[in-house]
Every structure is written in C-alpha cells, then in structure tokens.
Amino acid sequence: MANSEFNLPSLAEQKVLAEKLWAAYEVKQSYLKMIEATQEMVKSQFIEMFGNIDNPKYETCFLTAFSENLDSRRVPIKSGNRVQGPYPYYGASGIVDHVSDFIFDENILLISEDGANLKDRTTPIAFSSSGKVWVNNHAHVLRFNDDYLQKYVEIYFNLNKIDKYLTGTAQPKLNQDKLNCIPIPIPPKMELDKFISIAHQSDKSISELRKSVDAIDKVIKSLINENL
C-alpha cells in the first residue's frame, strides 16, 4: 500500500465531489427512512386490525386447517454438488444460490426452519415464491388455496415473535410440530381483503423506493470512479 499510486483531485475538486456525495447520501437516507416508515405503517395497521400472537382479535386456528405442508418434497444439495443454473435455490433466509433444476413450480410460502434469524429477525423468516424453484430442508414449504390468506400468513410470521415455539439454544429451530402449534387469527374475508390491498400497495411503494436507492448507489459509485 505504501508504494501504491492513485489520482488525487485538487482541493477544489475534492470539495465539489464531497458536496455531490453528501447530497446523494442524504437523498439515499431519506429513501431508506421512507421504506422504514412504510414498513412500520403496515405493522401498525396489522396489529390494529388483527392483534398479535399474544392478543388476537379473532378466533385462531392452526396452519393445518387451511394450508398443505410440502416439506416431504424438499431436497438439500451440498454447495459442492450444485450445478449452476437459472432456478432459485431457497434456504432458511431466502435465495442462497441458483441451480440447473427445480422441484416446485407453483405459488408457495416458505418459513425458516432453523437459524439465528428466527430470533434476531435481521431478514424476514417467511417469504412467498412462485414459479420454478428448488428448496432445501432449512425452510418449511406451505401451499395455500387462497393467495390473500398466504400473504396474510407471511406478514403474520414476519411481524410476530415466535421464540416460545423454538427449540435449541445455539441453533434455534422451528420444527414442523411446533410450526403447526402456532395459533393464527383468521379475520373475516372483508377485513382480510382490505388489509392485503394496503399491503400490496405498500410493497409497490417499497419496491420503487429500493430501485431509487440502487440508482443512487450507482451514482455514488460513478462519481467516485470518475474523480479518483
């Protein structure tokens, strides 16, 4: 590093560049705050309409009453044995790779089976997938007949703490028996439709905001590359 050479703009150029970078950074932060505010709005709306896992506003039932568990169809592939391809390979935290074949070709809900994220919640523990995908044995696979109900359950799991249903200490685990013991309040269809409409609109807004964040990151990278 001591012998490396690099271009150093003049102080005037550095000042202009710094101002541009700070402006881009501030815009990026404002978009990230908007994403966070939108997510909080959905969470507040959900709790207001349906309650939470400890204080539900509607009669509860279990996943086995309105979904089909497809865990028996999961197949894990060690990283060294995977053949790269176009199909998403799902694990406990979402897409972890892409492979040359698939075992599911439908709309499904995946729920993390193990991993620290079940407690930490740095990323969602439930995520929907559609089309051709491969799923390993670190995510439960559920099929629903109602897309709105599937979306509702996805949000329900991502908003509620389920620590008391987890086993293991060093490696938290949500086995199928425990998963099937989690009570889920089922609202009237009118209320469900109303909330999902809000959630879908929020998803669209967040998607557009994330695109804006990605665009700003590209601008920042371009500014640095052009001036250094």
Protein backbone atom coordinates (compact mmCIF):
# COMPACT_ATOMS: atom_id res chain seq x y z
CA MET A 1 0.00 0.00 0.00
CA ALA A 2 2.86 2.40 0.82
CA ASN A 3 4.16 2.10 -2.76
CA SER A 4 0.75 2.36 -4.45
CA GLU A 5 -0.11 5.42 -6.55
CA PHE A 6 -3.57 6.88 -7.09
CA ASN A 7 -5.11 10.01 -8.53
CA LEU A 8 -5.79 12.79 -6.06
CA PRO A 9 -8.09 15.60 -7.24
CA SER A 10 -7.31 19.18 -6.32
CA LEU A 11 -8.78 20.58 -3.11
CA ALA A 12 -11.39 22.47 -5.14
CA GLU A 13 -12.37 19.30 -7.00
CA GLN A 14 -12.44 17.34 -3.74
CA LYS A 15 -14.84 19.91 -2.26
CA VAL A 16 -17.21 19.70 -5.23
CA LEU A 17 -17.07 15.89 -5.17
CA ALA A 18 -17.70 15.77 -1.41
CA GLU A 19 -20.74 18.02 -1.77
CA LYS A 20 -22.18 15.82 -4.51
CA LEU A 21 -21.52 12.64 -2.50
CA TRP A 22 -23.09 14.09 0.66
CA ALA A 23 -26.15 15.23 -1.31
CA ALA A 24 -26.56 11.76 -2.81
CA TYR A 25 -26.05 10.14 0.59
CA GLU A 26 -28.71 12.36 2.20
CA VAL A 27 -31.22 11.54 -0.54
CA LYS A 28 -30.46 7.83 -0.08
CA GLN A 29 -31.03 8.12 3.67
CA SER A 30 -34.37 9.85 3.10
CA TYR A 31 -35.49 6.97 0.88
CA LEU A 32 -34.38 4.42 3.48
CA LYS A 33 -36.36 6.28 6.15
CA MET A 34 -39.42 6.21 3.88
CA ILE A 35 -39.02 2.44 3.47
CA GLU A 36 -38.81 2.02 7.24
CA ALA A 37 -41.84 4.27 7.80
CA THR A 38 -43.87 2.30 5.24
CA GLN A 39 -42.96 -0.99 6.91
CA GLU A 40 -43.93 0.42 10.32
CA MET A 41 -47.24 1.62 8.91
CA VAL A 42 -48.08 -1.87 7.65
CA LYS A 43 -47.11 -3.36 11.01
CA SER A 44 -49.26 -0.86 12.93
CA GLN A 45 -52.20 -1.44 10.59
CA PHE A 46 -51.87 -5.20 11.00
CA ILE A 47 -51.83 -5.05 14.81
CA GLU A 48 -54.73 -2.58 14.86
CA MET A 49 -56.87 -4.80 12.65
CA PHE A 50 -55.88 -8.29 13.85
CA GLY A 51 -53.97 -8.00 17.14
CA ASN A 52 -50.84 -10.06 17.71
CA ILE A 53 -49.85 -13.60 18.62
CA ASP A 54 -50.47 -12.98 22.35
CA ASN A 55 -53.62 -10.90 21.95
CA PRO A 56 -55.51 -11.90 18.77
CA LYS A 57 -58.70 -10.08 17.81
CA TYR A 58 -60.24 -13.05 16.02
CA GLU A 59 -60.65 -16.75 16.68
CA THR A 60 -57.45 -18.61 15.93
CA CYS A 61 -56.69 -21.85 14.14
CA PHE A 62 -53.58 -23.69 13.01
CA LEU A 63 -51.82 -23.88 9.65
CA THR A 64 -53.00 -27.44 9.10
CA ALA A 65 -56.58 -26.14 8.83
CA PHE A 66 -56.01 -24.03 5.73
CA SER A 67 -52.65 -24.96 4.17
CA GLU A 68 -50.83 -28.07 2.98
CA ASN A 69 -47.32 -28.83 4.20
CA LEU A 70 -44.97 -29.91 1.39
CA ASP A 71 -41.81 -30.46 3.48
CA SER A 72 -41.51 -34.06 2.30
CA ARG A 73 -40.68 -32.81 -1.20
CA ARG A 74 -37.67 -30.73 -0.12
CA VAL A 75 -34.21 -31.88 -1.22
CA PRO A 76 -30.97 -30.38 0.13
CA ILE A 77 -27.94 -30.13 -2.17
CA LYS A 78 -24.45 -29.55 -0.76
CA SER A 79 -22.80 -26.47 -2.24
CA GLY A 80 -20.12 -28.56 -3.94
CA ASN A 81 -22.73 -30.69 -5.71
CA ARG A 82 -24.89 -27.88 -7.07
CA VAL A 83 -24.98 -27.37 -10.81
CA GLN A 84 -25.39 -23.68 -11.55
CA GLY A 85 -28.48 -22.68 -13.48
CA PRO A 86 -31.42 -20.26 -13.70
CA TYR A 87 -33.60 -21.58 -10.88
CA PRO A 88 -33.54 -20.01 -7.38
CA TYR A 89 -32.30 -22.31 -4.61
CA TYR A 90 -34.01 -21.40 -1.33
CA GLY A 91 -32.81 -21.91 2.23
CA ALA A 92 -33.79 -20.57 5.63
CA SER A 93 -33.03 -16.95 4.69
CA GLY A 94 -34.37 -16.85 1.14
CA ILE A 95 -32.46 -17.39 -2.09
CA VAL A 96 -28.95 -18.69 -1.38
CA ASP A 97 -27.96 -19.90 -4.85
CA HIS A 98 -29.22 -20.71 -8.36
CA VAL A 99 -29.29 -24.26 -9.75
CA SER A 100 -30.00 -26.10 -13.00
CA ASP A 101 -33.21 -27.86 -11.94
CA PHE A 102 -36.34 -27.28 -9.84
CA ILE A 103 -38.69 -29.28 -7.58
CA PHE A 104 -41.52 -26.76 -7.16
CA ASP A 105 -43.41 -24.86 -9.85
CA GLU A 106 -46.24 -23.07 -8.06
CA ASN A 107 -47.03 -20.32 -5.59
CA ILE A 108 -45.74 -21.38 -2.15
CA LEU A 109 -44.93 -19.86 1.23
CA LEU A 110 -41.55 -20.64 2.78
CA ILE A 111 -40.95 -20.29 6.53
CA SER A 112 -37.49 -20.58 8.09
CA GLU A 113 -36.94 -23.87 9.93
CA ASP A 114 -33.66 -23.05 11.65
CA GLY A 115 -31.00 -20.40 12.16
CA ALA A 116 -30.28 -17.44 14.42
CA ASN A 117 -32.50 -15.23 12.28
CA LEU A 118 -35.57 -16.89 13.81
CA LYS A 119 -34.73 -14.79 16.88
CA ASP A 120 -32.63 -11.94 15.51
CA ARG A 121 -35.01 -11.03 12.65
CA THR A 122 -32.40 -9.26 10.54
CA THR A 123 -34.25 -10.61 7.48
CA PRO A 124 -37.80 -11.98 7.01
CA ILE A 125 -38.47 -15.52 8.26
CA ALA A 126 -41.39 -16.00 5.84
CA PHE A 127 -41.28 -15.33 2.11
CA SER A 128 -43.51 -16.25 -0.81
CA SER A 129 -42.17 -17.78 -4.00
CA SER A 130 -43.77 -18.57 -7.35
CA GLY A 131 -42.60 -20.40 -10.42
CA LYS A 132 -39.77 -22.91 -10.78
CA VAL A 133 -37.61 -23.14 -7.63
CA TRP A 134 -35.61 -25.60 -5.53
CA VAL A 135 -35.99 -25.62 -1.72
CA ASN A 136 -33.64 -27.27 0.76
CA ASN A 137 -34.53 -28.65 4.19
CA HIS A 138 -33.94 -25.37 6.06
CA ALA A 139 -37.28 -23.84 5.06
CA HIS A 140 -40.80 -25.21 5.54
CA VAL A 141 -42.91 -25.28 2.38
CA LEU A 142 -46.63 -24.49 2.53
CA ARG A 143 -49.29 -24.46 -0.18
CA PHE A 144 -52.41 -22.29 0.12
CA ASN A 145 -55.59 -22.21 -1.97
CA ASP A 146 -56.06 -18.51 -1.22
CA ASP A 147 -53.30 -16.07 -2.26
CA TYR A 148 -54.58 -13.37 0.10
CA LEU A 149 -54.51 -15.76 3.03
CA GLN A 150 -50.97 -16.79 2.08
CA LYS A 151 -49.85 -13.16 2.05
CA TYR A 152 -51.57 -12.58 5.39
CA VAL A 153 -49.78 -15.56 6.99
CA GLU A 154 -46.45 -14.39 5.54
CA ILE A 155 -46.87 -10.98 7.17
CA TYR A 156 -48.15 -12.56 10.40
CA PHE A 157 -44.97 -14.60 10.83
CA ASN A 158 -42.70 -11.69 9.95
CA LEU A 159 -44.36 -9.37 12.49
CA ASN A 160 -44.75 -11.72 15.44
CA LYS A 161 -42.11 -13.13 17.77
CA ILE A 162 -42.32 -16.92 17.95
CA ASP A 163 -39.46 -17.57 20.39
CA LYS A 164 -41.56 -19.75 22.70
CA TYR A 165 -42.14 -22.20 19.83
CA LEU A 166 -38.44 -22.58 19.05
CA THR A 167 -36.19 -25.38 20.22
CA GLY A 168 -32.41 -25.41 20.55
CA THR A 169 -30.12 -22.75 22.01
CA ALA A 170 -27.00 -22.36 19.88
CA GLN A 171 -29.06 -23.11 16.76
CA PRO A 172 -32.74 -22.09 17.11
CA LYS A 173 -35.11 -24.42 15.28
CA LEU A 174 -38.79 -24.31 14.37
CA ASN A 175 -39.71 -27.92 13.67
CA GLN A 176 -42.89 -28.90 11.86
CA ASP A 177 -44.74 -29.92 15.03
CA LYS A 178 -44.03 -26.55 16.66
CA LEU A 179 -44.93 -24.71 13.46
CA ASN A 180 -48.30 -26.42 13.46
CA CYS A 181 -48.92 -25.34 17.07
CA ILE A 182 -48.73 -21.61 16.37
CA PRO A 183 -52.20 -20.01 16.64
CA ILE A 184 -53.17 -17.75 13.76
CA PRO A 185 -56.18 -15.41 13.97
CA ILE A 186 -58.33 -15.69 10.86
CA PRO A 187 -60.21 -12.46 10.08
CA PRO A 188 -63.40 -12.11 8.00
CA LYS A 189 -62.77 -12.01 4.26
CA MET A 190 -63.71 -8.34 4.01
CA GLU A 191 -61.11 -7.37 6.62
CA LEU A 192 -58.51 -9.65 5.03
CA ASP A 193 -59.10 -8.16 1.58
CA LYS A 194 -58.86 -4.64 2.99
CA PHE A 195 -55.52 -5.29 4.67
CA ILE A 196 -53.97 -7.16 1.73
CA SER A 197 -54.87 -4.25 -0.54
CA ILE A 198 -52.92 -1.96 1.82
CA ALA A 199 -50.01 -4.44 1.97
CA HIS A 200 -49.80 -4.79 -1.82
CA GLN A 201 -49.73 -1.03 -2.28
CA SER A 202 -47.03 -0.75 0.38
CA ASP A 203 -44.99 -3.45 -1.35
CA LYS A 204 -45.15 -1.50 -4.61
CA SER A 205 -44.04 1.68 -2.87
CA ILE A 206 -41.16 -0.08 -1.12
CA SER A 207 -40.09 -1.73 -4.39
CA GLU A 208 -39.91 1.67 -6.11
CA LEU A 209 -38.01 3.18 -3.19
CA ARG A 210 -35.48 0.33 -3.28
CA LYS A 211 -34.97 0.95 -7.00
CA SER A 212 -34.27 4.59 -6.18
CA VAL A 213 -31.74 3.55 -3.51
CA ASP A 214 -30.00 1.26 -6.01
CA ALA A 215 -29.89 4.09 -8.56
CA ILE A 216 -28.32 6.45 -6.03
CA ASP A 217 -25.71 3.81 -5.14
CA LYS A 218 -24.80 3.65 -8.83
CA VAL A 219 -24.50 7.44 -8.98
CA ILE A 220 -22.23 7.45 -5.93
CA LYS A 221 -20.03 4.73 -7.42
CA SER A 222 -19.90 6.56 -10.75
CA LEU A 223 -18.89 9.84 -9.09
CA ILE A 224 -16.06 8.14 -7.23
CA ASN A 225 -14.81 6.27 -10.31
CA GLU A 226 -14.85 9.38 -12.46
CA ASN A 227 -12.94 11.53 -9.99
CA LEU A 228 -10.39 9.19 -8.42
